[in-house]
All heavy atoms as atom14 arrays in JSON, in Angstrom:
{
  "sequence": "VGQALSRFGSGVPWWRVLRADGTCAPLLANEQRVR",
  "atom14_mask": [
    [1, 1, 1, 1, 1, 1, 1, 0, 0, 0, 0, 0, 0, 0],
    [1, 1, 1, 1, 0, 0, 0, 0, 0, 0, 0, 0, 0, 0],
    [1, 1, 1, 1, 1, 1, 1, 1, 1, 0, 0, 0, 0, 0],
    [1, 1, 1, 1, 1, 0, 0, 0, 0, 0, 0, 0, 0, 0],
    [1, 1, 1, 1, 1, 1, 1, 1, 0, 0, 0, 0, 0, 0],
    [1, 1, 1, 1, 1, 1, 0, 0, 0, 0, 0, 0, 0, 0],
    [1, 1, 1, 1, 1, 1, 1, 1, 1, 1, 1, 0, 0, 0],
    [1, 1, 1, 1, 1, 1, 1, 1, 1, 1, 1, 0, 0, 0],
    [1, 1, 1, 1, 0, 0, 0, 0, 0, 0, 0, 0, 0, 0],
    [1, 1, 1, 1, 1, 1, 0, 0, 0, 0, 0, 0, 0, 0],
    [1, 1, 1, 1, 0, 0, 0, 0, 0, 0, 0, 0, 0, 0],
    [1, 1, 1, 1, 1, 1, 1, 0, 0, 0, 0, 0, 0, 0],
    [1, 1, 1, 1, 1, 1, 1, 0, 0, 0, 0, 0, 0, 0],
    [1, 1, 1, 1, 1, 1, 1, 1, 1, 1, 1, 1, 1, 1],
    [1, 1, 1, 1, 1, 1, 1, 1, 1, 1, 1, 1, 1, 1],
    [1, 1, 1, 1, 1, 1, 1, 1, 1, 1, 1, 0, 0, 0],
    [1, 1, 1, 1, 1, 1, 1, 0, 0, 0, 0, 0, 0, 0],
    [1, 1, 1, 1, 1, 1, 1, 1, 0, 0, 0, 0, 0, 0],
    [1, 1, 1, 1, 1, 1, 1, 1, 1, 1, 1, 0, 0, 0],
    [1, 1, 1, 1, 1, 0, 0, 0, 0, 0, 0, 0, 0, 0],
    [1, 1, 1, 1, 1, 1, 1, 1, 0, 0, 0, 0, 0, 0],
    [1, 1, 1, 1, 0, 0, 0, 0, 0, 0, 0, 0, 0, 0],
    [1, 1, 1, 1, 1, 1, 1, 0, 0, 0, 0, 0, 0, 0],
    [1, 1, 1, 1, 1, 1, 0, 0, 0, 0, 0, 0, 0, 0],
    [1, 1, 1, 1, 1, 0, 0, 0, 0, 0, 0, 0, 0, 0],
    [1, 1, 1, 1, 1, 1, 1, 0, 0, 0, 0, 0, 0, 0],
    [1, 1, 1, 1, 1, 1, 1, 1, 0, 0, 0, 0, 0, 0],
    [1, 1, 1, 1, 1, 1, 1, 1, 0, 0, 0, 0, 0, 0],
    [1, 1, 1, 1, 1, 0, 0, 0, 0, 0, 0, 0, 0, 0],
    [1, 1, 1, 1, 1, 1, 1, 1, 0, 0, 0, 0, 0, 0],
    [1, 1, 1, 1, 1, 1, 1, 1, 1, 0, 0, 0, 0, 0],
    [1, 1, 1, 1, 1, 1, 1, 1, 1, 0, 0, 0, 0, 0],
    [1, 1, 1, 1, 1, 1, 1, 1, 1, 1, 1, 0, 0, 0],
    [1, 1, 1, 1, 1, 1, 1, 0, 0, 0, 0, 0, 0, 0],
    [1, 1, 1, 1, 1, 1, 1, 1, 1, 1, 1, 0, 0, 0]
  ],
  "atom14_positions": [
    [[3.5, -21.47, 29.15], [4.28, -22.03, 30.21], [5.67, -22.42, 29.71], [6.71, -22.14, 30.32], [3.56, -23.22, 30.9], [4.5, -23.95, 31.87], [2.29, -22.76, 31.54], [0.0, 0.0, 0.0], [0.0, 0.0, 0.0], [0.0, 0.0, 0.0], [0.0, 0.0, 0.0], [0.0, 0.0, 0.0], [0.0, 0.0, 0.0], [0.0, 0.0, 0.0]],
    [[5.71, -23.08, 28.57], [6.97, -23.48, 27.93], [7.86, -22.26, 27.63], [9.07, -22.27, 27.94], [0.0, 0.0, 0.0], [0.0, 0.0, 0.0], [0.0, 0.0, 0.0], [0.0, 0.0, 0.0], [0.0, 0.0, 0.0], [0.0, 0.0, 0.0], [0.0, 0.0, 0.0], [0.0, 0.0, 0.0], [0.0, 0.0, 0.0], [0.0, 0.0, 0.0]],
    [[7.27, -21.21, 27.11], [8.03, -19.95, 26.85], [8.57, -19.37, 28.13], [9.74, -18.97, 28.18], [7.13, -18.95, 26.12], [6.81, -19.28, 24.7], [8.02, -19.1, 23.79], [8.78, -18.18, 23.98], [8.16, -19.97, 22.86], [0.0, 0.0, 0.0], [0.0, 0.0, 0.0], [0.0, 0.0, 0.0], [0.0, 0.0, 0.0], [0.0, 0.0, 0.0]],
    [[7.74, -19.29, 29.16], [8.2, -18.74, 30.43], [9.35, -19.54, 31.05], [10.31, -18.97, 31.51], [7.02, -18.63, 31.44], [0.0, 0.0, 0.0], [0.0, 0.0, 0.0], [0.0, 0.0, 0.0], [0.0, 0.0, 0.0], [0.0, 0.0, 0.0], [0.0, 0.0, 0.0], [0.0, 0.0, 0.0], [0.0, 0.0, 0.0], [0.0, 0.0, 0.0]],
    [[9.23, -20.85, 30.98], [10.28, -21.71, 31.51], [11.59, -21.55, 30.71], [12.68, -21.58, 31.27], [9.86, -23.16, 31.58], [8.84, -23.53, 32.65], [8.4, -24.97, 32.47], [9.46, -23.34, 34.01], [0.0, 0.0, 0.0], [0.0, 0.0, 0.0], [0.0, 0.0, 0.0], [0.0, 0.0, 0.0], [0.0, 0.0, 0.0], [0.0, 0.0, 0.0]],
    [[11.46, -21.44, 29.39], [12.66, -21.32, 28.59], [13.4, -19.98, 28.84], [14.62, -19.89, 28.74], [12.37, -21.48, 27.11], [11.67, -20.42, 26.59], [0.0, 0.0, 0.0], [0.0, 0.0, 0.0], [0.0, 0.0, 0.0], [0.0, 0.0, 0.0], [0.0, 0.0, 0.0], [0.0, 0.0, 0.0], [0.0, 0.0, 0.0], [0.0, 0.0, 0.0]],
    [[12.62, -18.95, 29.14], [13.22, -17.65, 29.38], [13.61, -17.36, 30.81], [14.62, -16.75, 31.08], [12.25, -16.55, 28.95], [11.97, -16.5, 27.48], [11.04, -15.38, 27.1], [10.81, -15.46, 25.66], [9.75, -14.9, 25.1], [8.87, -14.23, 25.79], [9.59, -15.0, 23.75], [0.0, 0.0, 0.0], [0.0, 0.0, 0.0], [0.0, 0.0, 0.0]],
    [[12.78, -17.89, 31.78], [12.99, -17.51, 33.16], [13.05, -18.71, 34.11], [13.0, -18.52, 35.31], [11.84, -16.57, 33.62], [11.58, -15.45, 32.66], [10.43, -15.43, 31.92], [12.49, -14.41, 32.57], [10.17, -14.36, 31.04], [12.24, -13.38, 31.7], [11.11, -13.33, 30.96], [0.0, 0.0, 0.0], [0.0, 0.0, 0.0], [0.0, 0.0, 0.0]],
    [[13.15, -19.9, 33.61], [13.0, -21.1, 34.41], [14.2, -21.57, 35.17], [14.07, -22.55, 35.93], [0.0, 0.0, 0.0], [0.0, 0.0, 0.0], [0.0, 0.0, 0.0], [0.0, 0.0, 0.0], [0.0, 0.0, 0.0], [0.0, 0.0, 0.0], [0.0, 0.0, 0.0], [0.0, 0.0, 0.0], [0.0, 0.0, 0.0], [0.0, 0.0, 0.0]],
    [[15.32, -20.96, 35.08], [16.52, -21.45, 35.73], [16.42, -21.44, 37.26], [17.09, -22.22, 37.93], [17.77, -20.67, 35.31], [17.68, -19.32, 35.69], [0.0, 0.0, 0.0], [0.0, 0.0, 0.0], [0.0, 0.0, 0.0], [0.0, 0.0, 0.0], [0.0, 0.0, 0.0], [0.0, 0.0, 0.0], [0.0, 0.0, 0.0], [0.0, 0.0, 0.0]],
    [[15.55, -20.6, 37.82], [15.44, -20.54, 39.28], [14.32, -21.37, 39.85], [14.07, -21.35, 41.04], [0.0, 0.0, 0.0], [0.0, 0.0, 0.0], [0.0, 0.0, 0.0], [0.0, 0.0, 0.0], [0.0, 0.0, 0.0], [0.0, 0.0, 0.0], [0.0, 0.0, 0.0], [0.0, 0.0, 0.0], [0.0, 0.0, 0.0], [0.0, 0.0, 0.0]],
    [[13.65, -22.17, 39.03], [12.58, -23.03, 39.49], [12.86, -24.5, 39.06], [13.67, -24.73, 38.19], [11.2, -22.56, 38.92], [10.87, -21.15, 39.43], [11.17, -22.64, 37.42], [0.0, 0.0, 0.0], [0.0, 0.0, 0.0], [0.0, 0.0, 0.0], [0.0, 0.0, 0.0], [0.0, 0.0, 0.0], [0.0, 0.0, 0.0], [0.0, 0.0, 0.0]],
    [[12.17, -25.44, 39.65], [12.41, -26.86, 39.28], [11.77, -27.18, 37.9], [10.81, -27.95, 37.77], [11.77, -27.63, 40.39], [10.74, -26.74, 40.99], [11.27, -25.32, 40.78], [0.0, 0.0, 0.0], [0.0, 0.0, 0.0], [0.0, 0.0, 0.0], [0.0, 0.0, 0.0], [0.0, 0.0, 0.0], [0.0, 0.0, 0.0], [0.0, 0.0, 0.0]],
    [[12.34, -26.65, 36.86], [11.82, -26.76, 35.47], [11.72, -28.24, 35.03], [10.88, -28.57, 34.22], [12.67, -26.0, 34.48], [14.11, -26.45, 34.51], [15.13, -25.88, 35.24], [14.68, -27.56, 33.82], [16.31, -26.6, 35.08], [16.08, -27.62, 34.21], [14.16, -28.49, 32.92], [16.91, -28.6, 33.69], [15.03, -29.47, 32.42], [16.36, -29.49, 32.81]],
    [[12.59, -29.09, 35.57], [12.68, -30.49, 35.15], [11.43, -31.25, 35.56], [11.14, -32.33, 35.07], [13.91, -31.16, 35.66], [14.02, -31.18, 37.15], [13.57, -32.19, 37.99], [14.56, -30.2, 37.99], [13.76, -31.84, 39.28], [14.4, -30.61, 39.3], [15.15, -28.94, 37.77], [14.82, -29.89, 40.4], [15.58, -28.21, 38.85], [15.46, -28.67, 40.15]],
    [[10.64, -30.7, 36.43], [9.39, -31.34, 36.91], [8.19, -31.07, 36.04], [7.09, -31.58, 36.25], [9.09, -30.95, 38.33], [10.13, -31.44, 39.33], [9.84, -31.01, 40.72], [10.82, -31.51, 41.62], [11.0, -30.98, 42.82], [10.27, -29.99, 43.24], [11.95, -31.44, 43.6], [0.0, 0.0, 0.0], [0.0, 0.0, 0.0], [0.0, 0.0, 0.0]],
    [[8.38, -30.22, 35.0], [7.33, -29.92, 34.05], [7.51, -30.73, 32.78], [8.59, -30.69, 32.19], [7.29, -28.37, 33.73], [6.1, -28.09, 32.81], [7.16, -27.59, 35.01], [0.0, 0.0, 0.0], [0.0, 0.0, 0.0], [0.0, 0.0, 0.0], [0.0, 0.0, 0.0], [0.0, 0.0, 0.0], [0.0, 0.0, 0.0], [0.0, 0.0, 0.0]],
    [[6.5, -31.46, 32.4], [6.62, -32.44, 31.33], [5.52, -32.21, 30.26], [4.57, -31.47, 30.52], [6.44, -33.83, 31.89], [7.43, -34.22, 32.97], [6.82, -35.27, 33.9], [8.71, -34.7, 32.38], [0.0, 0.0, 0.0], [0.0, 0.0, 0.0], [0.0, 0.0, 0.0], [0.0, 0.0, 0.0], [0.0, 0.0, 0.0], [0.0, 0.0, 0.0]],
    [[5.69, -32.86, 29.17], [4.62, -32.89, 28.15], [3.47, -33.69, 28.67], [3.6, -34.49, 29.61], [5.17, -33.53, 26.88], [6.22, -32.72, 26.18], [6.79, -33.49, 25.06], [7.33, -32.6, 24.06], [7.67, -32.97, 22.84], [7.55, -34.23, 22.48], [8.16, -32.08, 22.03], [0.0, 0.0, 0.0], [0.0, 0.0, 0.0], [0.0, 0.0, 0.0]],
    [[2.28, -33.49, 28.11], [1.07, -34.15, 28.58], [1.16, -35.67, 28.58], [0.5, -36.32, 29.33], [-0.14, -33.67, 27.76], [0.0, 0.0, 0.0], [0.0, 0.0, 0.0], [0.0, 0.0, 0.0], [0.0, 0.0, 0.0], [0.0, 0.0, 0.0], [0.0, 0.0, 0.0], [0.0, 0.0, 0.0], [0.0, 0.0, 0.0], [0.0, 0.0, 0.0]],
    [[2.0, -36.22, 27.74], [2.16, -37.72, 27.67], [3.26, -38.21, 28.63], [3.57, -39.37, 28.62], [2.46, -38.13, 26.24], [3.75, -37.62, 25.69], [4.46, -36.88, 26.37], [4.05, -37.95, 24.52], [0.0, 0.0, 0.0], [0.0, 0.0, 0.0], [0.0, 0.0, 0.0], [0.0, 0.0, 0.0], [0.0, 0.0, 0.0], [0.0, 0.0, 0.0]],
    [[3.84, -37.28, 29.44], [4.84, -37.73, 30.41], [6.26, -37.73, 29.86], [7.18, -38.12, 30.59], [0.0, 0.0, 0.0], [0.0, 0.0, 0.0], [0.0, 0.0, 0.0], [0.0, 0.0, 0.0], [0.0, 0.0, 0.0], [0.0, 0.0, 0.0], [0.0, 0.0, 0.0], [0.0, 0.0, 0.0], [0.0, 0.0, 0.0], [0.0, 0.0, 0.0]],
    [[6.47, -37.27, 28.63], [7.83, -37.27, 28.06], [8.52, -35.93, 28.38], [7.86, -34.98, 28.73], [7.78, -37.46, 26.52], [7.0, -36.46, 25.91], [7.29, -38.85, 26.19], [0.0, 0.0, 0.0], [0.0, 0.0, 0.0], [0.0, 0.0, 0.0], [0.0, 0.0, 0.0], [0.0, 0.0, 0.0], [0.0, 0.0, 0.0], [0.0, 0.0, 0.0]],
    [[9.82, -35.94, 28.31], [10.63, -34.8, 28.64], [10.7, -33.81, 27.45], [10.48, -34.18, 26.32], [12.06, -35.25, 28.96], [12.1, -36.28, 30.47], [0.0, 0.0, 0.0], [0.0, 0.0, 0.0], [0.0, 0.0, 0.0], [0.0, 0.0, 0.0], [0.0, 0.0, 0.0], [0.0, 0.0, 0.0], [0.0, 0.0, 0.0], [0.0, 0.0, 0.0]],
    [[11.11, -32.59, 27.8], [11.32, -31.59, 26.76], [12.5, -32.02, 25.89], [13.56, -32.39, 26.42], [11.65, -30.23, 27.43], [0.0, 0.0, 0.0], [0.0, 0.0, 0.0], [0.0, 0.0, 0.0], [0.0, 0.0, 0.0], [0.0, 0.0, 0.0], [0.0, 0.0, 0.0], [0.0, 0.0, 0.0], [0.0, 0.0, 0.0], [0.0, 0.0, 0.0]],
    [[12.37, -32.02, 24.57], [13.4, -32.55, 23.72], [14.78, -31.94, 23.89], [15.78, -32.66, 23.92], [12.88, -32.3, 22.32], [11.42, -32.16, 22.47], [11.17, -31.56, 23.8], [0.0, 0.0, 0.0], [0.0, 0.0, 0.0], [0.0, 0.0, 0.0], [0.0, 0.0, 0.0], [0.0, 0.0, 0.0], [0.0, 0.0, 0.0], [0.0, 0.0, 0.0]],
    [[14.85, -30.63, 24.03], [16.16, -29.96, 24.1], [16.94, -30.27, 25.38], [18.14, -30.2, 25.38], [16.01, -28.45, 23.93], [15.48, -27.98, 22.59], [15.3, -26.47, 22.58], [16.42, -28.39, 21.47], [0.0, 0.0, 0.0], [0.0, 0.0, 0.0], [0.0, 0.0, 0.0], [0.0, 0.0, 0.0], [0.0, 0.0, 0.0], [0.0, 0.0, 0.0]],
    [[16.26, -30.62, 26.45], [16.9, -30.84, 27.73], [16.56, -32.25, 28.28], [16.73, -32.5, 29.47], [16.47, -29.78, 28.72], [16.85, -28.33, 28.35], [16.13, -27.37, 29.28], [18.33, -28.17, 28.47], [0.0, 0.0, 0.0], [0.0, 0.0, 0.0], [0.0, 0.0, 0.0], [0.0, 0.0, 0.0], [0.0, 0.0, 0.0], [0.0, 0.0, 0.0]],
    [[16.16, -33.14, 27.41], [15.68, -34.47, 27.84], [16.7, -35.22, 28.68], [16.32, -35.82, 29.73], [15.25, -35.29, 26.65], [0.0, 0.0, 0.0], [0.0, 0.0, 0.0], [0.0, 0.0, 0.0], [0.0, 0.0, 0.0], [0.0, 0.0, 0.0], [0.0, 0.0, 0.0], [0.0, 0.0, 0.0], [0.0, 0.0, 0.0], [0.0, 0.0, 0.0]],
    [[17.95, -35.23, 28.27], [18.96, -36.01, 29.02], [19.11, -35.49, 30.47], [19.06, -36.25, 31.42], [20.28, -36.0, 28.3], [20.28, -36.8, 27.04], [19.46, -37.71, 26.84], [21.12, -36.43, 26.09], [0.0, 0.0, 0.0], [0.0, 0.0, 0.0], [0.0, 0.0, 0.0], [0.0, 0.0, 0.0], [0.0, 0.0, 0.0], [0.0, 0.0, 0.0]],
    [[19.26, -34.18, 30.61], [19.4, -33.6, 31.96], [18.11, -33.74, 32.73], [18.14, -34.08, 33.93], [19.79, -32.1, 31.87], [20.02, -31.52, 33.25], [20.42, -30.05, 33.19], [20.66, -29.48, 32.1], [20.52, -29.47, 34.3], [0.0, 0.0, 0.0], [0.0, 0.0, 0.0], [0.0, 0.0, 0.0], [0.0, 0.0, 0.0], [0.0, 0.0, 0.0]],
    [[17.0, -33.61, 32.09], [15.7, -33.73, 32.78], [15.51, -35.17, 33.28], [15.16, -35.39, 34.44], [14.56, -33.38, 31.83], [13.23, -33.2, 32.46], [12.19, -32.58, 31.55], [12.31, -32.61, 30.35], [11.14, -32.0, 32.16], [0.0, 0.0, 0.0], [0.0, 0.0, 0.0], [0.0, 0.0, 0.0], [0.0, 0.0, 0.0], [0.0, 0.0, 0.0]],
    [[15.88, -36.17, 32.51], [15.74, -37.59, 32.9], [16.65, -37.86, 34.1], [16.24, -38.57, 35.04], [16.13, -38.5, 31.76], [15.04, -38.63, 30.76], [15.36, -39.72, 29.71], [14.62, -39.5, 28.5], [15.11, -39.04, 27.38], [16.39, -38.76, 27.26], [14.34, -38.84, 26.34], [0.0, 0.0, 0.0], [0.0, 0.0, 0.0], [0.0, 0.0, 0.0]],
    [[17.88, -37.33, 34.07], [18.82, -37.53, 35.2], [18.23, -36.94, 36.46], [18.25, -37.59, 37.55], [20.17, -36.93, 34.89], [21.07, -36.86, 36.13], [20.91, -37.72, 33.77], [0.0, 0.0, 0.0], [0.0, 0.0, 0.0], [0.0, 0.0, 0.0], [0.0, 0.0, 0.0], [0.0, 0.0, 0.0], [0.0, 0.0, 0.0], [0.0, 0.0, 0.0]],
    [[17.73, -35.72, 36.41], [17.14, -35.09, 37.58], [15.95, -35.83, 38.11], [15.8, -35.97, 39.33], [16.81, -33.63, 37.31], [18.04, -32.75, 37.17], [17.64, -31.31, 36.78], [18.78, -30.48, 36.58], [19.01, -29.4, 37.36], [18.22, -29.08, 38.34], [20.11, -28.66, 37.12], [0.0, 0.0, 0.0], [0.0, 0.0, 0.0], [0.0, 0.0, 0.0]]
  ]
}
């Protein structure tokens, strides 16, 4: 799922997908938190 989102996720609400502990993806954490 992470690979698919990194390659093709720009057209879907990627920021709503989180790690199992509820934390954001490290590379996009700031933008994800804002959204």
